[in-house]
Amino acid sequence: GIPRGMLSYAHVVREDPERPGMLYLGTENAVYMSFDDGGNWLPLRNNLPPAPIHWLTIQEGYGDLVLGTYGRGFWILDDLSPLRQLTGDVLASDAHLFAPRPAYRLLRRSLPGERVRGSGPSFVEDPPYGAPINYYIADDATGGDGAEGGDGSDGGNSGSGGNGGNGRNRGATITIRDEAGNAVRTFRGTAHAGINRVYWNLRHEESPPVKLRTPPLGHPGVAFGPDSIRYNEDGWRELDVEGSGGNGPLAVPGTYTVELEVGGRQLTTSLEVIKDPTSAASEEEILAQIDLALRIREQVNVLTEMGNSIEWIRKEIDDLEDLVRGHSDMAEVEEAAAAFDQKLIDLEREFYILRTTGASENLLRFPAGLFSHFKMLGRYVMTGDALPSPSKYAVFDELSGRLERFREIYGTLVVTDLEEFNALARAHGLAGVSVPPKD
């Protein structure tokens, strides 16, 4: 399996500490592995360019293969567990879900003298945070519109045997469940023939995005401006205010079930999530912390659903106003539409800044809304591992009380006020407006 040539001589050979007979070989221009004590060799390059491999070792705590190349370069193949578990029976199956290595719930810390990625004479690329989920598929099962994953972890696919994900399939679905069987996270993964890998970032589901379908107040043309704030192909732009971004809290330490659905088959295995060894918090304190963070997330979900519904209705009103504008017999409808739209604006501006144009100055000019207050509270709660202070619970209760009052106003607007407006619109031969279906 090793080509004969002037660069094929061996520099270093190592045996895997967990699988006897599994060898790794560094030559003058490549790295190889063998499952049969060196009787046959297979290339193990992935994205490693041809380089002299002068040293290699196995990081036993995480099961990573670390190579040292001539020229002081380092290359690491993360997580050898799928290769360690690869057997003839696995290769003969239609699909196989490998048992994942334990995942450490590490807290992010800045190190003294730490450089920003890409700065200085060296370049470091870290693996995605979280737990790598590895699975084997005999035949390619790709097709569809791409893997999901907003932060490069969930759905951030890489190939562990030359089968790198290109984000152009929807062939595999991974669901993470807690010990009670509740779904913690569901995301897509690649489904290429061979070994596939997707990372779970150890977080719960995030709140859906706020979909703004109307232009910023006072700036009707800005939503057609820069890419960062213009409407997407689905006709909406994402809210960008203080607190924007992911809000799925870290899962608590414990045992989780990984479910893989691909090609009509369902496979399961277990995953152990381990607390950061440097964390001083007890499991009870972490449970209380995540419980409050999830309650905050659910309130954000409620607010987001109301905001998206209001935006949907306001966009319909804008379209209807364009339709009747200039028709004298429709003046009553136009006036009622403007009044109804203003009521919706008065409520929605309590949620978030409606005048935001993407400029950083917006946060200085306009007060933050309930959306930002909830999102920032969630971030403060999830800072480190710690029992939430009484003040955080007090702020949550105060914000939740405001949200409940807004829900009552919203209920009146989408039932009573909407029906009154639609009755007037229908009297003038128009269809009126409607509440959108739930996602």
Protein backbone atom coordinates (compact mmCIF):
# COMPACT_ATOMS: atom_id res chain seq x y z
CA GLY A 1 0.00 0.00 0.00
CA ILE A 2 3.00 2.32 0.13
CA PRO A 3 4.30 3.40 -3.28
CA ARG A 4 7.96 2.67 -3.92
CA GLY A 5 9.91 5.88 -4.35
CA MET A 6 12.73 8.00 -3.06
CA LEU A 7 10.36 9.73 -0.54
CA SER A 8 8.65 6.60 0.81
CA TYR A 9 11.08 5.72 3.58
CA ALA A 10 9.81 5.65 7.16
CA HIS A 11 10.52 8.29 9.78
CA VAL A 12 8.28 7.09 12.61
CA VAL A 13 5.83 4.27 13.40
CA ARG A 14 3.34 4.20 16.28
CA GLU A 15 0.77 1.70 17.48
CA ASP A 16 -2.66 2.90 18.58
CA PRO A 17 -2.91 2.67 22.39
CA GLU A 18 -6.51 1.39 22.28
CA ARG A 19 -6.56 -0.93 19.24
CA PRO A 20 -3.69 -3.43 19.01
CA GLY A 21 -2.37 -3.90 15.48
CA MET A 22 -3.55 -0.47 14.35
CA LEU A 23 -0.43 1.39 13.23
CA TYR A 24 0.38 4.90 12.06
CA LEU A 25 3.36 5.57 9.78
CA GLY A 26 5.05 8.86 8.89
CA THR A 27 7.18 8.89 5.75
CA GLU A 28 9.13 11.58 3.95
CA ASN A 29 6.01 12.77 2.11
CA ALA A 30 2.84 11.27 3.65
CA VAL A 31 1.13 9.54 6.57
CA TYR A 32 -0.39 6.04 6.41
CA MET A 33 -2.30 3.71 8.70
CA SER A 34 -2.64 -0.06 8.94
CA PHE A 35 -5.29 -2.25 10.60
CA ASP A 36 -3.24 -5.47 10.39
CA ASP A 37 0.12 -4.85 12.05
CA GLY A 38 1.56 -3.25 8.92
CA GLY A 39 0.59 -5.96 6.44
CA ASN A 40 -1.40 -3.41 4.41
CA TRP A 41 -1.29 0.38 4.50
CA LEU A 42 -3.84 3.06 3.62
CA PRO A 43 -3.17 6.79 3.09
CA LEU A 44 -4.49 9.02 5.89
CA ARG A 45 -4.09 12.44 4.34
CA ASN A 46 -7.46 14.25 4.29
CA ASN A 47 -6.27 17.88 3.93
CA LEU A 48 -2.62 17.21 4.80
CA PRO A 49 -0.36 18.34 1.92
CA PRO A 50 2.67 16.22 0.98
CA ALA A 51 5.18 16.85 3.76
CA PRO A 52 7.89 15.00 5.67
CA ILE A 53 6.34 13.47 8.80
CA HIS A 54 9.21 13.45 11.28
CA TRP A 55 7.21 12.59 14.39
CA LEU A 56 3.75 11.53 15.47
CA THR A 57 1.96 10.67 18.67
CA ILE A 58 -1.55 9.91 19.88
CA GLN A 59 -3.07 12.34 22.38
CA GLU A 60 -4.64 9.74 24.63
CA GLY A 61 -7.02 12.02 26.55
CA TYR A 62 -9.01 12.93 23.44
CA GLY A 63 -7.83 10.29 20.98
CA ASP A 64 -6.30 12.70 18.45
CA LEU A 65 -3.45 11.88 16.07
CA VAL A 66 -0.78 14.62 16.22
CA LEU A 67 1.88 14.93 13.51
CA GLY A 68 5.02 17.02 13.47
CA THR A 69 6.29 17.93 10.00
CA TYR A 70 9.64 19.21 8.84
CA GLY A 71 9.46 22.98 9.05
CA ARG A 72 7.88 23.05 12.54
CA GLY A 73 4.34 22.52 11.32
CA PHE A 74 1.72 20.59 13.29
CA TRP A 75 -1.27 18.73 11.85
CA ILE A 76 -3.91 17.05 14.03
CA LEU A 77 -6.50 14.48 12.99
CA ASP A 78 -9.23 14.99 15.58
CA ASP A 79 -11.02 12.03 17.14
CA LEU A 80 -9.74 8.64 16.04
CA SER A 81 -12.76 6.81 17.49
CA PRO A 82 -14.43 6.00 14.12
CA LEU A 83 -11.20 4.52 12.77
CA ARG A 84 -10.67 2.56 15.97
CA GLN A 85 -14.17 1.09 15.67
CA LEU A 86 -13.97 0.42 11.92
CA THR A 87 -14.33 -3.31 11.21
CA GLY A 88 -15.40 -5.58 8.39
CA ASP A 89 -18.88 -5.83 9.90
CA VAL A 90 -19.20 -2.04 9.88
CA LEU A 91 -18.13 -1.83 6.24
CA ALA A 92 -20.60 -4.60 5.34
CA SER A 93 -23.54 -2.71 6.88
CA ASP A 94 -25.77 -0.16 5.16
CA ALA A 95 -25.17 2.38 7.95
CA HIS A 96 -23.41 2.47 11.29
CA LEU A 97 -23.33 5.03 14.11
CA PHE A 98 -20.00 4.99 15.96
CA ALA A 99 -19.90 5.34 19.73
CA PRO A 100 -18.70 8.93 20.33
CA ARG A 101 -15.89 9.84 22.67
CA PRO A 102 -16.88 11.71 25.87
CA ALA A 103 -17.37 15.42 25.30
CA TYR A 104 -16.04 17.99 27.74
CA ARG A 105 -18.33 20.92 28.44
CA LEU A 106 -15.37 23.31 28.48
CA LEU A 107 -15.83 26.97 29.35
CA ARG A 108 -14.13 29.43 27.02
CA ARG A 109 -11.21 31.27 28.55
CA SER A 110 -8.66 33.65 27.10
CA LEU A 111 -5.06 32.65 27.73
CA PRO A 112 -2.30 35.14 28.61
CA GLY A 113 -0.59 36.29 25.45
CA GLU A 114 -3.17 34.54 23.25
CA ARG A 115 -3.06 35.74 19.66
CA VAL A 116 -6.04 36.47 17.51
CA ARG A 117 -6.56 33.75 14.93
CA GLY A 118 -4.61 34.47 11.77
CA SER A 119 -2.33 37.07 13.37
CA GLY A 120 1.42 36.83 13.66
CA PRO A 121 3.70 34.38 11.86
CA SER A 122 1.63 31.30 12.75
CA PHE A 123 -1.88 30.16 11.92
CA VAL A 124 -4.00 27.95 14.18
CA GLU A 125 -7.31 26.37 13.26
CA ASP A 126 -9.17 24.81 16.16
CA PRO A 127 -11.75 22.04 15.69
CA PRO A 128 -15.40 22.95 16.22
CA TYR A 129 -16.45 23.12 19.85
CA GLY A 130 -18.44 20.21 21.20
CA ALA A 131 -19.00 16.54 20.43
CA PRO A 132 -18.09 14.99 17.06
CA ILE A 133 -20.78 12.57 15.86
CA ASN A 134 -19.34 10.00 13.42
CA TYR A 135 -21.30 7.60 11.25
CA TYR A 136 -20.68 5.33 8.28
CA ILE A 137 -22.93 5.07 5.22
CA ALA A 138 -22.39 2.45 2.53
CA ASP A 139 -24.06 4.34 -0.34
CA ASP A 140 -24.34 8.04 -1.04
CA ALA A 141 -27.69 9.31 0.26
CA THR A 142 -27.31 13.00 -0.57
CA GLY A 143 -29.89 15.25 -2.11
CA GLY A 144 -31.64 18.48 -1.18
CA ASP A 145 -30.62 21.87 0.07
CA GLY A 146 -27.76 21.68 2.48
CA ALA A 147 -26.82 20.94 6.04
CA GLU A 148 -27.94 23.21 8.82
CA GLY A 149 -25.81 24.83 11.43
CA GLY A 150 -25.42 28.47 12.17
CA ASP A 151 -22.16 28.69 14.05
CA GLY A 152 -19.96 26.14 12.33
CA SER A 153 -20.59 23.47 14.94
CA ASP A 154 -23.99 21.93 14.38
CA GLY A 155 -23.97 20.76 10.80
CA GLY A 156 -20.31 21.77 10.42
CA ASN A 157 -19.35 18.60 8.58
CA SER A 158 -15.96 17.14 7.92
CA GLY A 159 -14.90 13.86 6.39
CA SER A 160 -12.94 11.42 8.51
CA GLY A 161 -12.09 9.19 5.59
CA GLY A 162 -11.88 11.53 2.65
CA ASN A 163 -15.61 12.26 2.73
CA GLY A 164 -15.72 15.95 3.58
CA GLY A 165 -19.14 17.58 3.71
CA ASN A 166 -19.97 20.25 1.15
CA GLY A 167 -23.19 21.39 2.81
CA ARG A 168 -25.32 20.37 -0.18
CA ASN A 169 -27.44 17.54 1.21
CA ARG A 170 -30.19 16.80 3.65
CA GLY A 171 -29.65 13.09 3.82
CA ALA A 172 -29.02 12.57 7.55
CA THR A 173 -30.85 13.86 10.63
CA ILE A 174 -29.24 13.81 14.08
CA THR A 175 -31.31 14.25 17.23
CA ILE A 176 -29.82 14.65 20.70
CA ARG A 177 -32.07 13.58 23.61
CA ASP A 178 -31.57 13.98 27.35
CA GLU A 179 -32.03 11.23 29.94
CA ALA A 180 -35.79 11.92 30.07
CA GLY A 181 -36.07 11.44 26.29
CA ASN A 182 -36.67 15.12 25.52
CA ALA A 183 -35.17 16.43 22.29
CA VAL A 184 -32.36 18.85 23.08
CA ARG A 185 -31.20 19.57 19.55
CA THR A 186 -31.97 18.38 16.01
CA PHE A 187 -29.77 19.18 13.02
CA ARG A 188 -28.74 17.88 9.61
CA GLY A 189 -25.57 16.09 8.59
CA THR A 190 -23.89 14.90 5.44
CA ALA A 191 -24.81 11.53 3.95
CA HIS A 192 -21.87 10.71 1.68
CA ALA A 193 -20.67 7.17 1.12
CA GLY A 194 -18.01 6.49 3.75
CA ILE A 195 -17.40 8.04 7.16
CA ASN A 196 -19.25 11.29 7.86
CA ARG A 197 -18.78 13.66 10.79
CA VAL A 198 -20.94 16.42 12.25
CA TYR A 199 -20.43 18.36 15.48
CA TRP A 200 -23.00 19.04 18.18
CA ASN A 201 -21.96 22.21 19.99
CA LEU A 202 -23.47 20.91 23.27
CA ARG A 203 -26.21 23.55 23.13
CA HIS A 204 -29.99 23.45 23.17
CA GLU A 205 -32.06 24.67 20.24
CA GLU A 206 -31.88 28.39 19.62
CA SER A 207 -34.80 30.75 19.26
CA PRO A 208 -35.98 31.28 15.68
CA PRO A 209 -34.91 34.56 14.03
CA VAL A 210 -36.98 37.71 14.07
CA LYS A 211 -38.01 38.17 10.43
CA LEU A 212 -38.45 41.84 9.57
CA ARG A 213 -40.62 42.17 6.46
CA THR A 214 -41.11 45.93 6.61
CA PRO A 215 -38.49 48.70 6.15
CA PRO A 216 -37.02 50.55 9.14
CA LEU A 217 -39.25 53.36 10.36
CA GLY A 218 -38.11 56.59 8.81
CA HIS A 219 -35.74 54.82 6.39
CA PRO A 220 -37.93 53.15 3.72
CA GLY A 221 -35.08 52.49 1.31
CA VAL A 222 -32.37 51.20 3.59
CA ALA A 223 -33.66 47.62 3.58
CA PHE A 224 -32.63 47.46 -0.07
CA GLY A 225 -29.11 48.64 0.77
CA PRO A 226 -26.07 46.68 1.99
CA ASP A 227 -26.22 42.89 2.16
CA SER A 228 -26.14 42.98 5.95
CA ILE A 229 -29.57 44.64 6.18
CA ARG A 230 -31.31 44.04 2.86
CA TYR A 231 -34.19 41.63 2.32
CA ASN A 232 -33.20 38.07 1.50
CA GLU A 233 -34.72 35.95 -1.26
CA ASP A 234 -37.56 34.96 1.08
CA GLY A 235 -38.55 38.59 1.57
CA TRP A 236 -37.27 39.32 5.08
CA ARG A 237 -34.20 40.62 6.89
CA GLU A 238 -32.92 39.45 10.25
CA LEU A 239 -33.08 41.72 13.28
CA ASP A 240 -29.69 43.12 14.33
CA VAL A 241 -29.85 44.72 17.77
CA GLU A 242 -28.18 44.25 21.14
CA GLY A 243 -28.41 40.60 22.09
CA SER A 244 -28.83 39.34 18.54
CA GLY A 245 -27.35 35.91 17.92
CA GLY A 246 -27.64 32.42 19.33
CA ASN A 247 -29.22 31.83 22.71
CA GLY A 248 -29.27 28.05 23.08
CA PRO A 249 -27.83 27.36 26.55
CA LEU A 250 -25.21 24.67 27.10
CA ALA A 251 -26.61 21.27 27.98
CA VAL A 252 -26.06 20.06 31.52
CA PRO A 253 -23.43 17.38 32.16
CA GLY A 254 -24.83 13.87 31.89
CA THR A 255 -25.64 11.04 29.49
CA TYR A 256 -27.42 11.82 26.22
CA THR A 257 -28.83 9.67 23.45
CA VAL A 258 -27.72 10.31 19.88
CA GLU A 259 -30.25 9.29 17.22
CA LEU A 260 -29.25 9.06 13.57
CA GLU A 261 -31.83 8.77 10.79
CA VAL A 262 -30.44 8.18 7.32
CA GLY A 263 -31.61 6.21 4.31
CA GLY A 264 -34.70 4.98 6.14
CA ARG A 265 -32.64 3.56 9.01
CA GLN A 266 -32.60 4.71 12.63
CA LEU A 267 -29.53 4.14 14.78
CA THR A 268 -28.83 5.17 18.38
CA THR A 269 -25.88 5.40 20.73
CA SER A 270 -25.06 7.20 23.97
CA LEU A 271 -22.89 10.25 24.59
CA GLU A 272 -21.37 11.35 27.88
CA VAL A 273 -21.08 15.11 28.45
CA ILE A 274 -18.54 15.87 31.18
CA LYS A 275 -18.38 19.03 33.27
CA ASP A 276 -15.40 21.31 32.82
CA PRO A 277 -12.80 19.91 35.28
CA THR A 278 -11.96 23.46 36.38
CA SER A 279 -15.59 24.38 37.14
CA ALA A 280 -16.35 24.85 40.83
CA ALA A 281 -20.15 24.71 40.37
CA SER A 282 -22.13 21.71 41.56
CA GLU A 283 -24.45 19.81 39.26
CA GLU A 284 -27.43 21.26 41.14
CA GLU A 285 -26.19 24.79 40.53
CA ILE A 286 -25.66 24.10 36.84
CA LEU A 287 -29.15 22.57 36.59
CA ALA A 288 -30.66 25.71 38.13
CA GLN A 289 -28.63 27.88 35.78
CA ILE A 290 -29.73 26.02 32.64
CA ASP A 291 -33.33 25.88 33.86
CA LEU A 292 -33.47 29.68 34.08
CA ALA A 293 -31.68 30.06 30.72
CA LEU A 294 -34.26 27.78 29.07
CA ARG A 295 -37.11 29.75 30.63
CA ILE A 296 -35.59 32.92 29.20
CA ARG A 297 -35.28 31.28 25.79
CA GLU A 298 -38.94 30.27 25.84
CA GLN A 299 -39.95 33.87 26.58
CA VAL A 300 -37.81 34.98 23.65
CA ASN A 301 -39.63 32.42 21.51
CA VAL A 302 -43.00 33.86 22.54
CA LEU A 303 -41.84 37.39 21.78
CA THR A 304 -40.33 36.33 18.46
CA GLU A 305 -43.53 34.61 17.37
CA MET A 306 -45.56 37.72 18.14
CA GLY A 307 -43.05 39.97 16.36
CA ASN A 308 -42.96 37.77 13.26
CA SER A 309 -46.76 37.68 13.18
CA ILE A 310 -46.96 41.47 13.44
CA GLU A 311 -44.38 41.88 10.67
CA TRP A 312 -46.38 39.53 8.44
CA ILE A 313 -49.59 41.52 9.00
CA ARG A 314 -47.83 44.88 8.55
CA LYS A 315 -46.37 43.70 5.23
CA GLU A 316 -49.88 42.74 4.08
CA ILE A 317 -51.12 46.16 5.14
CA ASP A 318 -48.32 47.85 3.18
CA ASP A 319 -49.27 45.87 0.08
CA LEU A 320 -52.95 46.67 0.53
CA GLU A 321 -52.18 50.39 0.95
CA ASP A 322 -50.21 50.31 -2.30
CA LEU A 323 -53.22 48.69 -3.97
CA VAL A 324 -55.83 51.24 -2.84
CA ARG A 325 -53.68 54.38 -2.87
CA GLY A 326 -55.08 57.02 -5.22
CA HIS A 327 -58.57 55.47 -5.42
CA SER A 328 -61.05 57.92 -3.92
CA ASP A 329 -63.60 55.19 -3.20
CA MET A 330 -60.98 53.39 -1.08
CA ALA A 331 -60.05 56.35 1.13
CA GLU A 332 -61.85 54.82 4.12
CA VAL A 333 -59.90 51.58 3.76
CA GLU A 334 -56.61 53.43 3.39
CA GLU A 335 -57.30 55.45 6.53
CA ALA A 336 -58.29 52.34 8.52
CA ALA A 337 -55.20 50.47 7.29
CA ALA A 338 -52.91 53.29 8.48
CA ALA A 339 -54.61 53.35 11.88
CA PHE A 340 -54.37 49.56 12.29
CA ASP A 341 -50.73 49.62 11.17
CA GLN A 342 -49.94 52.27 13.77
CA LYS A 343 -51.42 50.13 16.55
CA LEU A 344 -49.22 47.24 15.46
CA ILE A 345 -46.16 49.53 15.34
CA ASP A 346 -46.87 50.86 18.83
CA LEU A 347 -46.76 47.31 20.19
CA GLU A 348 -43.87 46.03 18.09
CA ARG A 349 -41.61 48.94 19.03
CA GLU A 350 -41.86 47.70 22.64
CA PHE A 351 -40.14 44.49 21.46
CA TYR A 352 -37.12 45.90 19.60
CA ILE A 353 -35.84 48.96 17.75
CA LEU A 354 -37.89 49.43 14.58
CA ARG A 355 -35.68 52.24 13.30
CA THR A 356 -32.53 50.13 13.17
CA THR A 357 -30.57 50.44 9.93
CA GLY A 358 -27.64 48.27 10.90
CA ALA A 359 -25.62 51.25 12.14
CA SER A 360 -23.95 50.88 15.53
CA GLU A 361 -25.24 54.31 16.55
CA ASN A 362 -28.80 52.96 16.68
CA LEU A 363 -28.20 51.51 20.12
CA LEU A 364 -27.22 54.97 21.36
CA ARG A 365 -30.14 56.78 19.75
CA PHE A 366 -33.00 54.48 20.68
CA PRO A 367 -33.83 52.52 23.84
CA ALA A 368 -33.44 48.76 23.74
CA GLY A 369 -36.65 46.75 23.72
CA LEU A 370 -37.87 43.69 25.55
CA PHE A 371 -36.14 41.39 23.06
CA SER A 372 -32.70 42.79 23.92
CA HIS A 373 -33.43 42.75 27.65
CA PHE A 374 -34.32 39.04 27.57
CA LYS A 375 -31.40 38.10 25.32
CA MET A 376 -28.84 40.00 27.39
CA LEU A 377 -30.25 38.54 30.62
CA GLY A 378 -29.78 35.09 29.11
CA ARG A 379 -26.14 35.89 28.36
CA TYR A 380 -25.52 37.12 31.89
CA VAL A 381 -27.13 33.97 33.30
CA MET A 382 -24.90 31.78 31.11
CA THR A 383 -21.64 33.50 32.06
CA GLY A 384 -19.54 30.68 33.48
CA ASP A 385 -20.97 27.94 35.68
CA ALA A 386 -22.79 29.57 38.59
CA LEU A 387 -26.08 29.57 40.42
CA PRO A 388 -28.14 32.56 39.16
CA SER A 389 -28.26 35.39 41.67
CA PRO A 390 -31.63 36.53 43.15
CA SER A 391 -31.44 39.70 41.07
CA LYS A 392 -31.47 37.67 37.84
CA TYR A 393 -34.66 35.91 38.90
CA ALA A 394 -36.15 39.27 39.85
CA VAL A 395 -35.32 40.76 36.45
CA PHE A 396 -36.75 37.69 34.72
CA ASP A 397 -40.02 38.03 36.63
CA GLU A 398 -40.23 41.76 35.82
CA LEU A 399 -39.59 41.17 32.10
CA SER A 400 -42.04 38.26 32.02
CA GLY A 401 -44.73 40.48 33.54
CA ARG A 402 -44.21 43.03 30.77
CA LEU A 403 -44.34 40.28 28.17
CA GLU A 404 -47.65 39.00 29.54
CA ARG A 405 -49.19 42.47 29.25
CA PHE A 406 -47.98 42.72 25.66
CA ARG A 407 -49.48 39.31 24.89
CA GLU A 408 -52.88 40.58 26.00
CA ILE A 409 -52.56 43.61 23.72
CA TYR A 410 -51.41 41.37 20.88
CA GLY A 411 -54.39 39.06 21.38
CA THR A 412 -56.79 42.00 21.03
CA LEU A 413 -55.03 43.28 17.90
CA VAL A 414 -55.03 39.98 15.99
CA VAL A 415 -58.60 39.09 16.95
CA THR A 416 -60.77 42.15 17.54
CA ASP A 417 -58.93 44.86 15.59
CA LEU A 418 -57.99 42.58 12.72
CA GLU A 419 -61.56 41.35 12.28
CA GLU A 420 -62.91 44.90 12.36
CA PHE A 421 -60.46 45.95 9.66
CA ASN A 422 -61.17 42.87 7.53
CA ALA A 423 -64.90 43.52 7.76
CA LEU A 424 -64.34 46.98 6.32
CA ALA A 425 -61.97 45.65 3.65
CA ARG A 426 -64.45 42.96 2.57
CA ALA A 427 -67.21 45.57 2.36
CA HIS A 428 -65.06 47.27 -0.29
CA GLY A 429 -64.40 44.03 -2.18
CA LEU A 430 -60.95 43.37 -0.70
CA ALA A 431 -59.66 40.17 0.91
CA GLY A 432 -58.19 41.85 3.99
CA VAL A 433 -55.19 40.57 5.93
CA SER A 434 -54.47 37.41 7.91
CA VAL A 435 -52.30 36.05 10.72
CA PRO A 436 -49.46 33.88 9.37
CA PRO A 437 -49.29 30.14 10.02
CA LYS A 438 -46.95 29.10 12.82
CA ASP A 439 -43.47 27.88 11.85
